[in-house]
């Protein structure tokens, strides 16, 4: 048989548990859900921002291909 730890919980675990109790005291479930929705809204990006990023990526790839073909054509032309 194994014995339980003599000291029990560490001080850090007690501190974290105490913080958790104070964080949600005084909040109703509705307020907690509202704050969670606000946090999710901040984390998610807007569709327009995503579209602009995709468009910029496609344009960068096309520009890189154009530069590559231009350099290859220029090398063949000088030979």
N, C-alpha and C. Protein backbone atom coordinates (compact mmCIF):
# COMPACT_ATOMS: atom_id res chain seq x y z
N UNK A 1 0.83 -1.18 0.00
CA UNK A 1 0.00 0.00 0.00
C UNK A 1 0.87 1.25 0.00
N UNK A 2 0.44 2.18 -0.81
CA UNK A 2 1.19 3.43 -0.87
C UNK A 2 0.61 4.42 0.13
N UNK A 3 1.48 5.23 0.68
CA UNK A 3 1.03 6.24 1.63
C UNK A 3 0.76 7.54 0.90
N UNK A 4 -0.14 8.31 1.42
CA UNK A 4 -0.38 9.63 0.86
C UNK A 4 0.79 10.52 1.20
N UNK A 5 0.93 11.55 0.40
CA UNK A 5 2.01 12.49 0.68
C UNK A 5 1.77 13.15 2.03
N UNK A 6 2.84 13.38 2.73
CA UNK A 6 2.73 13.95 4.06
C UNK A 6 2.27 15.40 3.99
N UNK A 7 2.82 16.15 3.04
CA UNK A 7 2.52 17.57 2.97
C UNK A 7 1.18 17.86 2.30
N UNK A 8 0.68 16.97 1.51
CA UNK A 8 -0.57 17.24 0.80
C UNK A 8 -0.30 18.06 -0.44
N UNK A 9 -1.10 19.07 -0.66
CA UNK A 9 -0.95 19.90 -1.85
C UNK A 9 0.19 20.90 -1.66
N UNK A 10 0.81 21.23 -2.77
CA UNK A 10 1.89 22.21 -2.70
C UNK A 10 1.29 23.62 -2.58
N UNK A 11 2.13 24.55 -2.25
CA UNK A 11 1.68 25.93 -2.09
C UNK A 11 1.21 26.51 -3.42
N UNK A 12 1.85 26.10 -4.49
CA UNK A 12 1.47 26.61 -5.81
C UNK A 12 0.06 26.15 -6.17
N UNK A 13 -0.24 24.88 -5.91
CA UNK A 13 -1.57 24.37 -6.21
C UNK A 13 -2.63 25.07 -5.37
N UNK A 14 -2.33 25.34 -4.12
CA UNK A 14 -3.27 26.07 -3.26
C UNK A 14 -3.50 27.48 -3.79
N UNK A 15 -2.42 28.13 -4.24
CA UNK A 15 -2.51 29.49 -4.77
C UNK A 15 -3.37 29.51 -6.03
N UNK A 16 -3.14 28.55 -6.93
CA UNK A 16 -3.92 28.49 -8.17
C UNK A 16 -5.40 28.23 -7.89
N UNK A 17 -5.68 27.36 -6.95
CA UNK A 17 -7.07 27.06 -6.60
C UNK A 17 -7.73 28.30 -6.02
N UNK A 18 -7.00 29.03 -5.20
CA UNK A 18 -7.52 30.25 -4.61
C UNK A 18 -7.81 31.29 -5.68
N UNK A 19 -6.92 31.42 -6.66
CA UNK A 19 -7.15 32.36 -7.77
C UNK A 19 -8.40 31.98 -8.55
N UNK A 20 -8.56 30.69 -8.81
CA UNK A 20 -9.73 30.23 -9.55
C UNK A 20 -11.03 30.53 -8.83
N UNK A 21 -11.02 30.43 -7.51
CA UNK A 21 -12.22 30.74 -6.74
C UNK A 21 -12.56 32.22 -6.85
N UNK A 22 -11.56 33.08 -6.78
CA UNK A 22 -11.81 34.52 -6.82
C UNK A 22 -12.16 35.00 -8.21
N UNK A 23 -11.68 34.32 -9.22
CA UNK A 23 -11.91 34.78 -10.59
C UNK A 23 -13.39 34.69 -10.95
N UNK A 24 -14.04 33.63 -10.55
CA UNK A 24 -15.43 33.43 -10.95
C UNK A 24 -16.44 33.82 -9.87
N UNK A 25 -15.97 34.31 -8.74
CA UNK A 25 -16.94 34.70 -7.71
C UNK A 25 -17.62 35.99 -8.15
N UNK A 26 -18.91 36.03 -7.99
CA UNK A 26 -19.66 37.23 -8.35
C UNK A 26 -20.08 37.27 -9.80
N UNK A 27 -19.72 36.28 -10.58
CA UNK A 27 -20.12 36.25 -11.98
C UNK A 27 -21.21 35.22 -12.17
N UNK A 28 -22.16 35.59 -12.97
CA UNK A 28 -23.18 34.61 -13.31
C UNK A 28 -22.72 33.86 -14.56
N UNK A 29 -23.44 32.84 -14.90
CA UNK A 29 -23.07 32.06 -16.08
C UNK A 29 -23.20 32.91 -17.33
N UNK A 30 -24.20 33.77 -17.36
CA UNK A 30 -24.42 34.62 -18.53
C UNK A 30 -23.24 35.57 -18.74
N UNK A 31 -22.75 36.18 -17.66
CA UNK A 31 -21.61 37.09 -17.77
C UNK A 31 -20.35 36.35 -18.19
N UNK A 32 -20.17 35.15 -17.68
CA UNK A 32 -19.01 34.35 -18.05
C UNK A 32 -19.05 34.01 -19.54
N UNK A 33 -20.22 33.64 -20.04
CA UNK A 33 -20.36 33.31 -21.46
C UNK A 33 -20.14 34.54 -22.33
N UNK A 34 -20.62 35.70 -21.88
CA UNK A 34 -20.40 36.93 -22.65
C UNK A 34 -18.92 37.25 -22.76
N UNK A 35 -18.20 37.12 -21.65
CA UNK A 35 -16.76 37.41 -21.69
C UNK A 35 -16.03 36.40 -22.57
N UNK A 36 -16.48 35.16 -22.57
CA UNK A 36 -15.86 34.15 -23.43
C UNK A 36 -16.11 34.47 -24.91
N UNK A 37 -17.33 34.91 -25.24
CA UNK A 37 -17.64 35.28 -26.62
C UNK A 37 -16.82 36.48 -27.07
N UNK A 38 -16.61 37.45 -26.18
CA UNK A 38 -15.79 38.61 -26.53
C UNK A 38 -14.35 38.18 -26.81
N UNK A 39 -13.83 37.27 -26.01
CA UNK A 39 -12.46 36.79 -26.22
C UNK A 39 -12.35 36.04 -27.53
N UNK A 40 -13.34 35.23 -27.86
CA UNK A 40 -13.32 34.51 -29.13
C UNK A 40 -13.40 35.47 -30.31
N UNK A 41 -14.18 36.54 -30.18
CA UNK A 41 -14.29 37.52 -31.25
C UNK A 41 -12.97 38.24 -31.47
N UNK A 42 -12.23 38.50 -30.40
CA UNK A 42 -10.92 39.14 -30.56
C UNK A 42 -9.93 38.21 -31.22
N UNK A 43 -10.01 36.92 -30.91
CA UNK A 43 -9.05 35.96 -31.46
C UNK A 43 -9.31 35.68 -32.93
N UNK A 44 -10.57 35.63 -33.34
CA UNK A 44 -10.88 35.28 -34.73
C UNK A 44 -10.66 36.51 -35.61
N UNK A 45 -10.21 36.26 -36.82
CA UNK A 45 -9.95 37.35 -37.74
C UNK A 45 -11.20 37.61 -38.58
N UNK A 46 -11.29 38.79 -39.12
CA UNK A 46 -12.42 39.17 -39.95
C UNK A 46 -12.27 38.53 -41.33
N UNK A 47 -13.37 38.22 -42.01
CA UNK A 47 -13.27 37.60 -43.33
C UNK A 47 -12.56 38.49 -44.35
N UNK A 48 -12.76 39.79 -44.26
CA UNK A 48 -12.10 40.69 -45.19
C UNK A 48 -10.59 40.66 -45.01
N UNK A 49 -10.14 40.62 -43.77
CA UNK A 49 -8.71 40.55 -43.49
C UNK A 49 -8.11 39.26 -44.05
N UNK A 50 -8.82 38.16 -43.91
CA UNK A 50 -8.35 36.88 -44.44
C UNK A 50 -8.27 36.94 -45.96
N UNK A 51 -9.28 37.52 -46.60
CA UNK A 51 -9.29 37.62 -48.06
C UNK A 51 -8.13 38.48 -48.55
N UNK A 52 -7.85 39.56 -47.87
CA UNK A 52 -6.74 40.44 -48.26
C UNK A 52 -5.41 39.70 -48.11
N UNK A 53 -5.26 38.92 -47.06
CA UNK A 53 -4.02 38.16 -46.87
C UNK A 53 -3.83 37.12 -47.98
N UNK A 54 -4.91 36.43 -48.35
CA UNK A 54 -4.82 35.46 -49.44
C UNK A 54 -4.47 36.14 -50.76
N UNK A 55 -5.08 37.28 -51.02
CA UNK A 55 -4.81 38.02 -52.25
C UNK A 55 -3.35 38.49 -52.28
N UNK A 56 -2.85 38.97 -51.17
CA UNK A 56 -1.45 39.40 -51.10
C UNK A 56 -0.51 38.23 -51.33
N UNK A 57 -0.84 37.06 -50.79
CA UNK A 57 -0.01 35.87 -50.99
C UNK A 57 0.01 35.47 -52.46
N UNK A 58 -1.14 35.47 -53.11
CA UNK A 58 -1.20 35.10 -54.53
C UNK A 58 -0.41 36.10 -55.36
N UNK A 59 -0.54 37.37 -55.07
CA UNK A 59 0.20 38.38 -55.82
C UNK A 59 1.71 38.24 -55.60
N UNK A 60 2.13 37.91 -54.41
CA UNK A 60 3.55 37.72 -54.14
C UNK A 60 4.09 36.52 -54.91
N UNK A 61 3.32 35.45 -54.99
CA UNK A 61 3.76 34.27 -55.75
C UNK A 61 3.85 34.61 -57.23
N UNK A 62 2.85 35.32 -57.75
CA UNK A 62 2.88 35.70 -59.16
C UNK A 62 4.06 36.62 -59.46
N UNK A 63 4.35 37.54 -58.57
CA UNK A 63 5.50 38.44 -58.76
C UNK A 63 6.81 37.66 -58.74
N UNK A 64 6.91 36.69 -57.85
CA UNK A 64 8.12 35.87 -57.79
C UNK A 64 8.29 35.06 -59.08
N UNK A 65 7.21 34.50 -59.59
CA UNK A 65 7.29 33.75 -60.85
C UNK A 65 7.66 34.68 -62.01
N UNK A 66 7.09 35.87 -62.04
CA UNK A 66 7.41 36.83 -63.09
C UNK A 66 8.90 37.19 -63.06
N UNK A 67 9.42 37.45 -61.87
CA UNK A 67 10.84 37.79 -61.75
C UNK A 67 11.72 36.62 -62.17
N UNK A 68 11.33 35.41 -61.81
CA UNK A 68 12.09 34.22 -62.19
C UNK A 68 12.14 34.06 -63.70
N UNK A 69 10.98 34.15 -64.36
CA UNK A 69 10.95 34.01 -65.82
C UNK A 69 11.65 35.18 -66.51
N UNK A 70 11.56 36.37 -65.95
CA UNK A 70 12.25 37.52 -66.53
C UNK A 70 13.76 37.32 -66.49
N UNK A 71 14.27 36.82 -65.36
CA UNK A 71 15.72 36.59 -65.25
C UNK A 71 16.16 35.48 -66.20
N UNK A 72 15.38 34.42 -66.31
CA UNK A 72 15.73 33.33 -67.23
C UNK A 72 15.72 33.82 -68.67
N UNK A 73 14.75 34.62 -69.04
CA UNK A 73 14.68 35.16 -70.40
C UNK A 73 15.84 36.11 -70.65
N UNK A 74 16.20 36.91 -69.67
CA UNK A 74 17.29 37.86 -69.81
C UNK A 74 18.63 37.14 -69.98
N UNK A 75 18.82 36.03 -69.27
CA UNK A 75 20.06 35.25 -69.40
C UNK A 75 20.16 34.64 -70.79
N UNK A 76 19.07 34.11 -71.31
CA UNK A 76 19.08 33.52 -72.65
C UNK A 76 19.28 34.59 -73.72
N UNK A 77 18.76 35.77 -73.51
CA UNK A 77 18.87 36.85 -74.48
C UNK A 77 20.31 37.36 -74.58
N UNK A 78 21.04 37.40 -73.48
CA UNK A 78 22.41 37.91 -73.49
C UNK A 78 23.40 36.90 -74.06
N UNK A 79 23.04 35.63 -74.08
CA UNK A 79 23.97 34.61 -74.60
C UNK A 79 24.02 34.63 -76.05
